[in-house]
Amino acid sequence: MNWAQLPLGTLKTNCYVLSNSENECIIFDPGAEGDRLVEWLNANELSPLAILLTHAHFDHIGAVDDVRNAFNIPVYLHAEEKDWLTNPTLNGSEFFRMGIVHANRADRILTNEEEIKIGNFHFKLFHTPGHSPGSVSYYYEQGRAVFSGDVLFRGSIGRTDLPKGNHDQLIASIHRHLLSLPEETIVLPGHGPATSIVEEMESNPFLNGF
């Protein structure tokens, strides 16, 4: 597995680019700085196949249309947030004074926990609500990694004080779907450094009652 972590925008939201030996790639959460991201993809001679969104808060979607239009690729998003891309109230940009953010609707609406196949990339989709109602995590078993968005961080968890957040639901999502993964699984979060399932099982104070 070859993945790059690109912190973008004021909030340094992690955009991930997962690529294969044919230089095809999947883009996760292009949150801002669309021109820079497109330039980086072209400079690395990558051919994007799709954009996968872990959720639709404004800091994760700001460059969606720039990338989608540059490469003519589909955007995947969970049905619970299908209206958020076009609505600054729902995606939160209306309230954070960082500029209004919106994008066109997603091309592919996810409704079930299923396997997603895009080219030769295979992901297991987990619905992991709590931070937001449509939060999902993409498990890339071949690369022993999970793209967790703002569900699980190194030593922390996603905030639940935003509209439709739910702390108990978030904790249940983490235990049901993420902590049940193999311990060596790399966790690639929406902010901050990568971690692992075993590290969070052993030391995350939100999950261990420390």
C-alpha atoms as a PDB file:
ATOM      1  CA  MET A   1       0.000   0.000   0.000  1.00  0.00           C
ATOM      2  CA  ASN A   2       1.208   3.483  -0.879  1.00  0.00           C
ATOM      3  CA  TRP A   3      -0.609   6.276   0.888  1.00  0.00           C
ATOM      4  CA  ALA A   4       0.130   9.957   1.358  1.00  0.00           C
ATOM      5  CA  GLN A   5      -1.246  12.188   4.094  1.00  0.00           C
ATOM      6  CA  LEU A   6      -1.850  15.801   3.010  1.00  0.00           C
ATOM      7  CA  PRO A   7      -3.074  18.151   5.775  1.00  0.00           C
ATOM      8  CA  LEU A   8      -5.131  20.834   4.027  1.00  0.00           C
ATOM      9  CA  GLY A   9      -6.781  24.092   5.029  1.00  0.00           C
ATOM     10  CA  THR A  10      -6.874  26.095   8.231  1.00  0.00           C
ATOM     11  CA  LEU A  11      -7.900  23.096  10.311  1.00  0.00           C
ATOM     12  CA  LYS A  12      -5.216  20.856   8.744  1.00  0.00           C
ATOM     13  CA  THR A  13      -7.733  18.231   7.745  1.00  0.00           C
ATOM     14  CA  ASN A  14      -6.002  15.107   6.499  1.00  0.00           C
ATOM     15  CA  CYS A  15      -6.626  14.301   2.874  1.00  0.00           C
ATOM     16  CA  TYR A  16      -5.325  10.844   2.022  1.00  0.00           C
ATOM     17  CA  VAL A  17      -4.280   9.619  -1.404  1.00  0.00           C
ATOM     18  CA  LEU A  18      -4.095   5.848  -1.708  1.00  0.00           C
ATOM     19  CA  SER A  19      -2.330   4.667  -4.854  1.00  0.00           C
ATOM     20  CA  ASN A  20      -1.370   1.399  -6.533  1.00  0.00           C
ATOM     21  CA  SER A  21       1.459   0.270  -8.785  1.00  0.00           C
ATOM     22  CA  GLU A  22      -0.425   1.489 -11.873  1.00  0.00           C
ATOM     23  CA  ASN A  23      -0.516   5.020 -10.398  1.00  0.00           C
ATOM     24  CA  GLU A  24      -4.278   4.854  -9.991  1.00  0.00           C
ATOM     25  CA  CYS A  25      -5.488   6.395  -6.759  1.00  0.00           C
ATOM     26  CA  ILE A  26      -8.405   6.981  -4.421  1.00  0.00           C
ATOM     27  CA  ILE A  27      -8.761  10.350  -2.691  1.00  0.00           C
ATOM     28  CA  PHE A  28     -10.207  10.592   0.811  1.00  0.00           C
ATOM     29  CA  ASP A  29     -11.647  13.853   2.180  1.00  0.00           C
ATOM     30  CA  PRO A  30     -10.246  16.613  -0.042  1.00  0.00           C
ATOM     31  CA  GLY A  31     -10.998  19.323   2.499  1.00  0.00           C
ATOM     32  CA  ALA A  32      -9.449  22.496   1.061  1.00  0.00           C
ATOM     33  CA  GLU A  33      -6.751  23.930  -1.216  1.00  0.00           C
ATOM     34  CA  GLY A  34      -8.145  22.302  -4.336  1.00  0.00           C
ATOM     35  CA  ASP A  35      -5.654  23.868  -6.748  1.00  0.00           C
ATOM     36  CA  ARG A  36      -2.744  22.678  -4.642  1.00  0.00           C
ATOM     37  CA  LEU A  37      -4.160  19.175  -4.407  1.00  0.00           C
ATOM     38  CA  VAL A  38      -4.795  18.897  -8.154  1.00  0.00           C
ATOM     39  CA  GLU A  39      -1.277  20.182  -8.827  1.00  0.00           C
ATOM     40  CA  TRP A  40       0.171  17.599  -6.430  1.00  0.00           C
ATOM     41  CA  LEU A  41      -1.752  14.762  -8.074  1.00  0.00           C
ATOM     42  CA  ASN A  42      -0.596  15.807 -11.521  1.00  0.00           C
ATOM     43  CA  ALA A  43       2.995  16.283 -10.396  1.00  0.00           C
ATOM     44  CA  ASN A  44       2.986  12.734  -9.044  1.00  0.00           C
ATOM     45  CA  GLU A  45       1.434  11.451 -12.283  1.00  0.00           C
ATOM     46  CA  LEU A  46      -1.515   9.897 -10.460  1.00  0.00           C
ATOM     47  CA  SER A  47      -4.827   8.988 -12.053  1.00  0.00           C
ATOM     48  CA  PRO A  48      -7.670   9.436  -9.535  1.00  0.00           C
ATOM     49  CA  LEU A  49     -10.576   7.001  -9.735  1.00  0.00           C
ATOM     50  CA  ALA A  50     -12.905   8.355  -7.038  1.00  0.00           C
ATOM     51  CA  ILE A  51     -13.346  10.593  -4.012  1.00  0.00           C
ATOM     52  CA  LEU A  52     -14.461   8.833  -0.825  1.00  0.00           C
ATOM     53  CA  LEU A  53     -15.844  11.048   1.934  1.00  0.00           C
ATOM     54  CA  THR A  54     -15.804   9.883   5.531  1.00  0.00           C
ATOM     55  CA  HIS A  55     -18.434  12.544   6.292  1.00  0.00           C
ATOM     56  CA  ALA A  56     -19.539  15.935   5.006  1.00  0.00           C
ATOM     57  CA  HIS A  57     -18.394  18.527   7.529  1.00  0.00           C
ATOM     58  CA  PHE A  58     -17.072  21.616   5.769  1.00  0.00           C
ATOM     59  CA  ASP A  59     -13.409  20.999   6.525  1.00  0.00           C
ATOM     60  CA  HIS A  60     -13.567  17.646   4.719  1.00  0.00           C
ATOM     61  CA  ILE A  61     -15.341  18.766   1.535  1.00  0.00           C
ATOM     62  CA  GLY A  62     -13.918  22.144   0.502  1.00  0.00           C
ATOM     63  CA  ALA A  63     -11.962  20.826  -2.489  1.00  0.00           C
ATOM     64  CA  VAL A  64     -14.453  18.186  -3.625  1.00  0.00           C
ATOM     65  CA  ASP A  65     -15.599  19.969  -6.762  1.00  0.00           C
ATOM     66  CA  ASP A  66     -12.100  21.134  -7.718  1.00  0.00           C
ATOM     67  CA  VAL A  67     -10.867  17.546  -7.735  1.00  0.00           C
ATOM     68  CA  ARG A  68     -14.034  16.012  -9.151  1.00  0.00           C
ATOM     69  CA  ASN A  69     -14.087  18.452 -12.069  1.00  0.00           C
ATOM     70  CA  ALA A  70     -10.358  18.182 -12.763  1.00  0.00           C
ATOM     71  CA  PHE A  71     -10.471  14.403 -13.163  1.00  0.00           C
ATOM     72  CA  ASN A  72     -14.164  13.714 -13.896  1.00  0.00           C
ATOM     73  CA  ILE A  73     -14.505  11.206 -11.062  1.00  0.00           C
ATOM     74  CA  PRO A  74     -17.417  10.252  -8.773  1.00  0.00           C
ATOM     75  CA  VAL A  75     -17.875  11.285  -5.148  1.00  0.00           C
ATOM     76  CA  TYR A  76     -19.087   8.745  -2.557  1.00  0.00           C
ATOM     77  CA  LEU A  77     -21.018   9.816   0.561  1.00  0.00           C
ATOM     78  CA  HIS A  78     -23.365   8.170   3.057  1.00  0.00           C
ATOM     79  CA  ALA A  79     -27.111   8.716   2.599  1.00  0.00           C
ATOM     80  CA  GLU A  80     -27.485  10.281   6.062  1.00  0.00           C
ATOM     81  CA  GLU A  81     -25.540  13.302   4.791  1.00  0.00           C
ATOM     82  CA  LYS A  82     -26.625  13.365   1.154  1.00  0.00           C
ATOM     83  CA  ASP A  83     -27.898  16.963   1.526  1.00  0.00           C
ATOM     84  CA  TRP A  84     -24.904  18.312   3.424  1.00  0.00           C
ATOM     85  CA  LEU A  85     -22.619  19.070   0.495  1.00  0.00           C
ATOM     86  CA  THR A  86     -24.992  21.703  -0.848  1.00  0.00           C
ATOM     87  CA  ASN A  87     -26.089  23.124   2.513  1.00  0.00           C
ATOM     88  CA  PRO A  88     -23.701  25.334   4.564  1.00  0.00           C
ATOM     89  CA  THR A  89     -25.955  25.026   7.599  1.00  0.00           C
ATOM     90  CA  LEU A  90     -25.777  21.258   7.616  1.00  0.00           C
ATOM     91  CA  ASN A  91     -22.063  21.014   6.791  1.00  0.00           C
ATOM     92  CA  GLY A  92     -21.277  23.578   9.483  1.00  0.00           C
ATOM     93  CA  SER A  93     -19.459  26.200   7.436  1.00  0.00           C
ATOM     94  CA  GLU A  94     -22.172  28.749   8.198  1.00  0.00           C
ATOM     95  CA  PHE A  95     -21.200  28.759  11.867  1.00  0.00           C
ATOM     96  CA  PHE A  96     -17.373  28.678  11.887  1.00  0.00           C
ATOM     97  CA  ARG A  97     -16.571  31.978  10.163  1.00  0.00           C
ATOM     98  CA  MET A  98     -14.050  30.419   7.806  1.00  0.00           C
ATOM     99  CA  GLY A  99     -16.063  31.062   4.669  1.00  0.00           C
ATOM    100  CA  ILE A 100     -19.118  29.350   3.248  1.00  0.00           C
ATOM    101  CA  VAL A 101     -18.373  25.893   1.861  1.00  0.00           C
ATOM    102  CA  HIS A 102     -20.562  23.926  -0.487  1.00  0.00           C
ATOM    103  CA  ALA A 103     -20.229  21.405  -3.304  1.00  0.00           C
ATOM    104  CA  ASN A 104     -22.442  19.653  -5.787  1.00  0.00           C
ATOM    105  CA  ARG A 105     -24.254  16.529  -4.675  1.00  0.00           C
ATOM    106  CA  ALA A 106     -22.460  13.213  -4.376  1.00  0.00           C
ATOM    107  CA  ASP A 107     -22.541  10.865  -7.344  1.00  0.00           C
ATOM    108  CA  ARG A 108     -22.733   7.657  -5.315  1.00  0.00           C
ATOM    109  CA  ILE A 109     -24.882   7.394  -2.199  1.00  0.00           C
ATOM    110  CA  LEU A 110     -23.874   4.754   0.332  1.00  0.00           C
ATOM    111  CA  THR A 111     -26.638   3.106   2.333  1.00  0.00           C
ATOM    112  CA  ASN A 112     -25.387  -0.245   3.572  1.00  0.00           C
ATOM    113  CA  GLU A 113     -22.326  -1.652   5.223  1.00  0.00           C
ATOM    114  CA  GLU A 114     -20.892  -3.324   2.178  1.00  0.00           C
ATOM    115  CA  GLU A 115     -17.795  -3.966   0.135  1.00  0.00           C
ATOM    116  CA  ILE A 116     -16.862  -1.209  -2.282  1.00  0.00           C
ATOM    117  CA  LYS A 117     -14.835  -2.062  -5.378  1.00  0.00           C
ATOM    118  CA  ILE A 118     -13.274   0.739  -7.402  1.00  0.00           C
ATOM    119  CA  GLY A 119     -10.792  -0.481  -9.966  1.00  0.00           C
ATOM    120  CA  ASN A 120      -8.584  -2.911  -8.067  1.00  0.00           C
ATOM    121  CA  PHE A 121      -9.195  -1.159  -4.746  1.00  0.00           C
ATOM    122  CA  HIS A 122     -11.470  -3.036  -2.344  1.00  0.00           C
ATOM    123  CA  PHE A 123     -12.849  -1.495   0.846  1.00  0.00           C
ATOM    124  CA  LYS A 124     -15.176  -2.678   3.570  1.00  0.00           C
ATOM    125  CA  LEU A 125     -17.569   0.106   4.500  1.00  0.00           C
ATOM    126  CA  PHE A 126     -18.473   0.587   8.164  1.00  0.00           C
ATOM    127  CA  HIS A 127     -21.200   3.022   9.202  1.00  0.00           C
ATOM    128  CA  THR A 128     -19.656   4.684  12.263  1.00  0.00           C
ATOM    129  CA  PRO A 129     -22.014   7.489  13.381  1.00  0.00           C
ATOM    130  CA  GLY A 130     -21.604   9.608  16.467  1.00  0.00           C
ATOM    131  CA  HIS A 131     -19.386  12.437  15.310  1.00  0.00           C
ATOM    132  CA  SER A 132     -21.955  12.960  12.573  1.00  0.00           C
ATOM    133  CA  PRO A 133     -24.894  10.799  11.464  1.00  0.00           C
ATOM    134  CA  GLY A 134     -23.344   9.767   8.162  1.00  0.00           C
ATOM    135  CA  SER A 135     -19.796   9.154   9.321  1.00  0.00           C
ATOM    136  CA  VAL A 136     -18.246   6.088   7.727  1.00  0.00           C
ATOM    137  CA  SER A 137     -14.914   4.319   7.973  1.00  0.00           C
ATOM    138  CA  TYR A 138     -13.264   2.600   5.014  1.00  0.00           C
ATOM    139  CA  TYR A 139     -11.296  -0.525   5.885  1.00  0.00           C
ATOM    140  CA  TYR A 140      -8.605  -1.386   3.349  1.00  0.00           C
ATOM    141  CA  GLU A 141      -7.828  -4.931   4.399  1.00  0.00           C
ATOM    142  CA  GLN A 142      -5.118  -5.455   1.792  1.00  0.00           C
ATOM    143  CA  GLY A 143      -3.137  -2.584   3.276  1.00  0.00           C
ATOM    144  CA  ARG A 144      -4.132  -3.256   6.899  1.00  0.00           C
ATOM    145  CA  ALA A 145      -5.457   0.269   7.300  1.00  0.00           C
ATOM    146  CA  VAL A 146      -8.718   2.016   8.101  1.00  0.00           C
ATOM    147  CA  PHE A 147      -9.582   5.547   7.019  1.00  0.00           C
ATOM    148  CA  SER A 148     -11.543   6.656  10.074  1.00  0.00           C
ATOM    149  CA  GLY A 149     -12.339  10.314   9.391  1.00  0.00           C
ATOM    150  CA  ASP A 150     -13.205  12.103  12.637  1.00  0.00           C
ATOM    151  CA  VAL A 151     -14.310   8.967  14.473  1.00  0.00           C
ATOM    152  CA  LEU A 152     -11.043   7.881  16.106  1.00  0.00           C
ATOM    153  CA  PHE A 153      -7.834   9.838  16.600  1.00  0.00           C
ATOM    154  CA  ARG A 154      -4.511   9.133  18.226  1.00  0.00           C
ATOM    155  CA  GLY A 155      -5.342   9.361  21.918  1.00  0.00           C
ATOM    156  CA  SER A 156      -8.750  10.880  21.296  1.00  0.00           C
ATOM    157  CA  ILE A 157     -12.123  10.540  19.587  1.00  0.00           C
ATOM    158  CA  GLY A 158     -14.277  12.792  17.435  1.00  0.00           C
ATOM    159  CA  ARG A 159     -16.157  15.681  18.988  1.00  0.00           C
ATOM    160  CA  THR A 160     -19.871  15.142  19.535  1.00  0.00           C
ATOM    161  CA  ASP A 161     -21.022  18.666  20.392  1.00  0.00           C
ATOM    162  CA  LEU A 162     -21.871  19.535  16.786  1.00  0.00           C
ATOM    163  CA  PRO A 163     -25.434  19.167  15.438  1.00  0.00           C
ATOM    164  CA  LYS A 164     -26.576  15.524  15.426  1.00  0.00           C
ATOM    165  CA  GLY A 165     -23.494  14.378  17.304  1.00  0.00           C
ATOM    166  CA  ASN A 166     -23.946  11.642  19.906  1.00  0.00           C
ATOM    167  CA  HIS A 167     -21.231  10.553  22.319  1.00  0.00           C
ATOM    168  CA  ASP A 168     -22.691   7.180  23.270  1.00  0.00           C
ATOM    169  CA  GLN A 169     -23.287   6.360  19.625  1.00  0.00           C
ATOM    170  CA  LEU A 170     -19.697   7.272  18.764  1.00  0.00           C
ATOM    171  CA  ILE A 171     -18.249   5.046  21.474  1.00  0.00           C
ATOM    172  CA  ALA A 172     -20.471   2.185  20.326  1.00  0.00           C
ATOM    173  CA  SER A 173     -19.352   2.686  16.725  1.00  0.00           C
ATOM    174  CA  ILE A 174     -15.692   2.576  17.697  1.00  0.00           C
ATOM    175  CA  HIS A 175     -16.058  -0.574  19.764  1.00  0.00           C
ATOM    176  CA  ARG A 176     -18.260  -2.360  17.250  1.00  0.00           C
ATOM    177  CA  HIS A 177     -16.363  -1.649  14.075  1.00  0.00           C
ATOM    178  CA  LEU A 178     -12.867  -0.338  14.752  1.00  0.00           C
ATOM    179  CA  LEU A 179     -11.627  -2.060  17.898  1.00  0.00           C
ATOM    180  CA  SER A 180     -12.764  -5.361  16.404  1.00  0.00           C
ATOM    181  CA  LEU A 181     -10.258  -4.982  13.555  1.00  0.00           C
ATOM    182  CA  PRO A 182      -6.862  -6.748  13.731  1.00  0.00           C
ATOM    183  CA  GLU A 183      -4.662  -5.037  16.308  1.00  0.00           C
ATOM    184  CA  GLU A 184      -1.961  -4.179  13.762  1.00  0.00           C
ATOM    185  CA  THR A 185      -4.421  -2.161  11.660  1.00  0.00           C
ATOM    186  CA  ILE A 186      -3.195   1.365  10.940  1.00  0.00           C
ATOM    187  CA  VAL A 187      -5.729   4.083  11.764  1.00  0.00           C
ATOM    188  CA  LEU A 188      -5.626   7.048   9.382  1.00  0.00           C
ATOM    189  CA  PRO A 189      -7.664   9.808  11.058  1.00  0.00           C
ATOM    190  CA  GLY A 190      -9.109  13.048   9.762  1.00  0.00           C
ATOM    191  CA  HIS A 191      -6.737  15.156  11.876  1.00  0.00           C
ATOM    192  CA  GLY A 192      -3.362  14.539  13.444  1.00  0.00           C
ATOM    193  CA  PRO A 193      -0.938  11.623  13.141  1.00  0.00           C
ATOM    194  CA  ALA A 194      -1.673   8.038  12.227  1.00  0.00           C
ATOM    195  CA  THR A 195      -2.065   5.500  14.983  1.00  0.00           C
ATOM    196  CA  SER A 196      -2.987   1.823  15.316  1.00  0.00           C
ATOM    197  CA  ILE A 197      -5.821  -0.195  16.754  1.00  0.00           C
ATOM    198  CA  VAL A 198      -3.600  -1.762  19.400  1.00  0.00           C
ATOM    199  CA  GLU A 199      -2.253   1.638  20.488  1.00  0.00           C
ATOM    200  CA  GLU A 200      -5.766   2.992  20.972  1.00  0.00           C
ATOM    201  CA  MET A 201      -6.967  -0.152  22.731  1.00  0.00           C
ATOM    202  CA  GLU A 202      -4.130   0.165  25.212  1.00  0.00           C
ATOM    203  CA  SER A 203      -3.856   3.906  25.815  1.00  0.00           C
ATOM    204  CA  ASN A 204      -6.792   5.945  24.515  1.00  0.00           C
ATOM    205  CA  PRO A 205      -8.340   7.501  27.659  1.00  0.00           C
ATOM    206  CA  PHE A 206     -11.750   7.874  26.023  1.00  0.00           C
ATOM    207  CA  LEU A 207     -11.914   4.155  25.415  1.00  0.00           C
ATOM    208  CA  ASN A 208     -10.273   2.834  28.550  1.00  0.00           C
ATOM    209  CA  GLY A 209     -11.666   4.992  31.344  1.00  0.00           C
ATOM    210  CA  PHE A 210      -8.296   6.462  32.340  1.00  0.00           C
END
